[in-house]
Amino acid sequence: MSTRKEPRTKKTFRVKVVEGDNAYPGIVTNCSKSGMSIKTDHVFPTFKVVDVLVKIGQKLVPIKGSVRWVHEGVEPENPDEDQYKNEIGVAFQNPPPEYLKRFE
């Protein structure tokens, strides 16, 4: 059984995961101050450094992180809203204050 450093908040919102010049859509399934779980169609290698674009207020805020785990071929919980077949866990390197405020 794994223990987390901090609690996860079950939230669902859309993000983009940026790898180089490419941006891939995704849906966050849960998040914390230090990372998030994202459902996506793209398969990212573990330890790949990516930017997660999160909409905060009216602007997109990039959060740099590292892909820590990958689950391929995950069945969608709600196929009408979620067509993504893969899920990744991203650990943030230095989340910005505007993101951290969501957890106060």
Protein backbone atom coordinates (compact mmCIF):
# COMPACT_ATOMS: atom_id res chain seq x y z
CA MET A 1 0.00 0.00 0.00
CA SER A 2 1.42 3.38 -0.97
CA THR A 3 1.42 6.41 1.26
CA ARG A 4 1.13 9.87 -0.19
CA LYS A 5 3.03 12.87 1.06
CA GLU A 6 -0.11 14.97 0.87
CA PRO A 7 -3.81 14.39 0.24
CA ARG A 8 -5.19 14.28 -3.29
CA THR A 9 -8.26 16.29 -4.21
CA LYS A 10 -10.67 14.60 -6.61
CA LYS A 11 -11.31 17.26 -9.23
CA THR A 12 -12.07 17.06 -12.91
CA PHE A 13 -10.87 19.78 -15.25
CA ARG A 14 -9.25 20.04 -18.65
CA VAL A 15 -5.55 20.69 -19.19
CA LYS A 16 -2.99 20.49 -21.97
CA VAL A 17 0.22 18.54 -21.54
CA VAL A 18 3.05 20.10 -23.54
CA GLU A 19 5.97 18.02 -24.74
CA GLY A 20 8.36 20.02 -26.92
CA ASP A 21 6.33 21.73 -29.66
CA ASN A 22 3.29 19.48 -29.17
CA ALA A 23 0.33 20.01 -26.83
CA TYR A 24 -1.98 17.11 -25.94
CA PRO A 25 -5.41 17.51 -24.32
CA GLY A 26 -6.15 15.78 -21.06
CA ILE A 27 -8.53 15.59 -18.12
CA VAL A 28 -7.30 15.79 -14.54
CA THR A 29 -8.82 13.12 -12.29
CA ASN A 30 -7.16 14.18 -9.05
CA CYS A 31 -4.53 16.66 -7.95
CA SER A 32 -2.47 17.90 -5.03
CA LYS A 33 0.01 20.70 -4.42
CA SER A 34 2.80 18.57 -5.81
CA GLY A 35 1.21 16.77 -8.78
CA MET A 36 -1.79 15.43 -10.64
CA SER A 37 -3.22 12.41 -12.40
CA ILE A 38 -4.17 13.14 -16.01
CA LYS A 39 -6.13 11.03 -18.50
CA THR A 40 -4.88 11.51 -22.07
CA ASP A 41 -4.54 9.70 -25.38
CA HIS A 42 -0.83 10.35 -25.76
CA VAL A 43 1.65 7.94 -24.17
CA PHE A 44 4.48 9.78 -22.41
CA PRO A 45 7.67 8.06 -21.26
CA THR A 46 8.32 7.99 -17.53
CA PHE A 47 10.58 10.75 -16.24
CA LYS A 48 9.82 12.89 -19.31
CA VAL A 49 9.73 16.58 -18.35
CA VAL A 50 6.52 18.25 -19.53
CA ASP A 51 4.55 21.44 -18.94
CA VAL A 52 0.96 21.11 -17.79
CA LEU A 53 -1.14 24.11 -18.87
CA VAL A 54 -3.79 24.81 -16.22
CA LYS A 55 -6.42 27.52 -16.63
CA ILE A 56 -6.43 29.71 -13.54
CA GLY A 57 -8.79 32.64 -13.78
CA GLN A 58 -8.52 33.88 -17.35
CA LYS A 59 -4.97 32.74 -18.08
CA LEU A 60 -3.19 29.48 -18.86
CA VAL A 61 -0.48 28.81 -16.30
CA PRO A 62 2.33 26.38 -17.24
CA ILE A 63 3.48 24.04 -14.48
CA LYS A 64 6.68 22.10 -15.14
CA GLY A 65 6.69 18.50 -13.99
CA SER A 66 8.02 15.02 -14.57
CA VAL A 67 5.93 12.03 -15.66
CA ARG A 68 6.30 9.56 -12.76
CA TRP A 69 3.98 6.75 -13.88
CA VAL A 70 1.99 5.69 -16.94
CA HIS A 71 -1.09 3.44 -17.20
CA GLU A 72 -1.97 2.46 -20.76
CA GLY A 73 -5.36 1.14 -21.89
CA VAL A 74 -7.45 2.49 -18.99
CA GLU A 75 -11.20 2.15 -19.56
CA PRO A 76 -13.03 5.49 -19.29
CA GLU A 77 -15.22 5.93 -16.20
CA ASN A 78 -17.72 7.95 -18.22
CA PRO A 79 -17.37 7.16 -21.96
CA ASP A 80 -19.76 9.98 -22.93
CA GLU A 81 -17.41 12.61 -21.48
CA ASP A 82 -14.05 10.86 -21.35
CA GLN A 83 -12.59 9.15 -24.39
CA TYR A 84 -9.00 8.97 -23.13
CA LYS A 85 -7.38 5.55 -22.82
CA ASN A 86 -4.16 6.40 -20.94
CA GLU A 87 -3.39 7.98 -17.60
CA ILE A 88 -0.21 9.61 -16.34
CA GLY A 89 0.98 10.87 -12.98
CA VAL A 90 2.93 14.13 -13.09
CA ALA A 91 5.06 15.34 -10.17
CA PHE A 92 5.53 19.10 -10.22
CA GLN A 93 9.00 20.57 -9.83
CA ASN A 94 8.08 24.05 -8.60
CA PRO A 95 4.33 24.82 -8.82
CA PRO A 96 3.51 28.53 -9.06
CA PRO A 97 1.77 30.35 -6.19
CA GLU A 98 -1.46 30.85 -8.18
CA TYR A 99 -1.80 27.05 -8.49
CA LEU A 100 -0.98 26.44 -4.82
CA LYS A 101 -3.72 28.91 -3.76
CA ARG A 102 -6.33 26.38 -4.97
CA PHE A 103 -5.46 24.23 -1.93
CA GLU A 104 -5.72 26.87 0.82
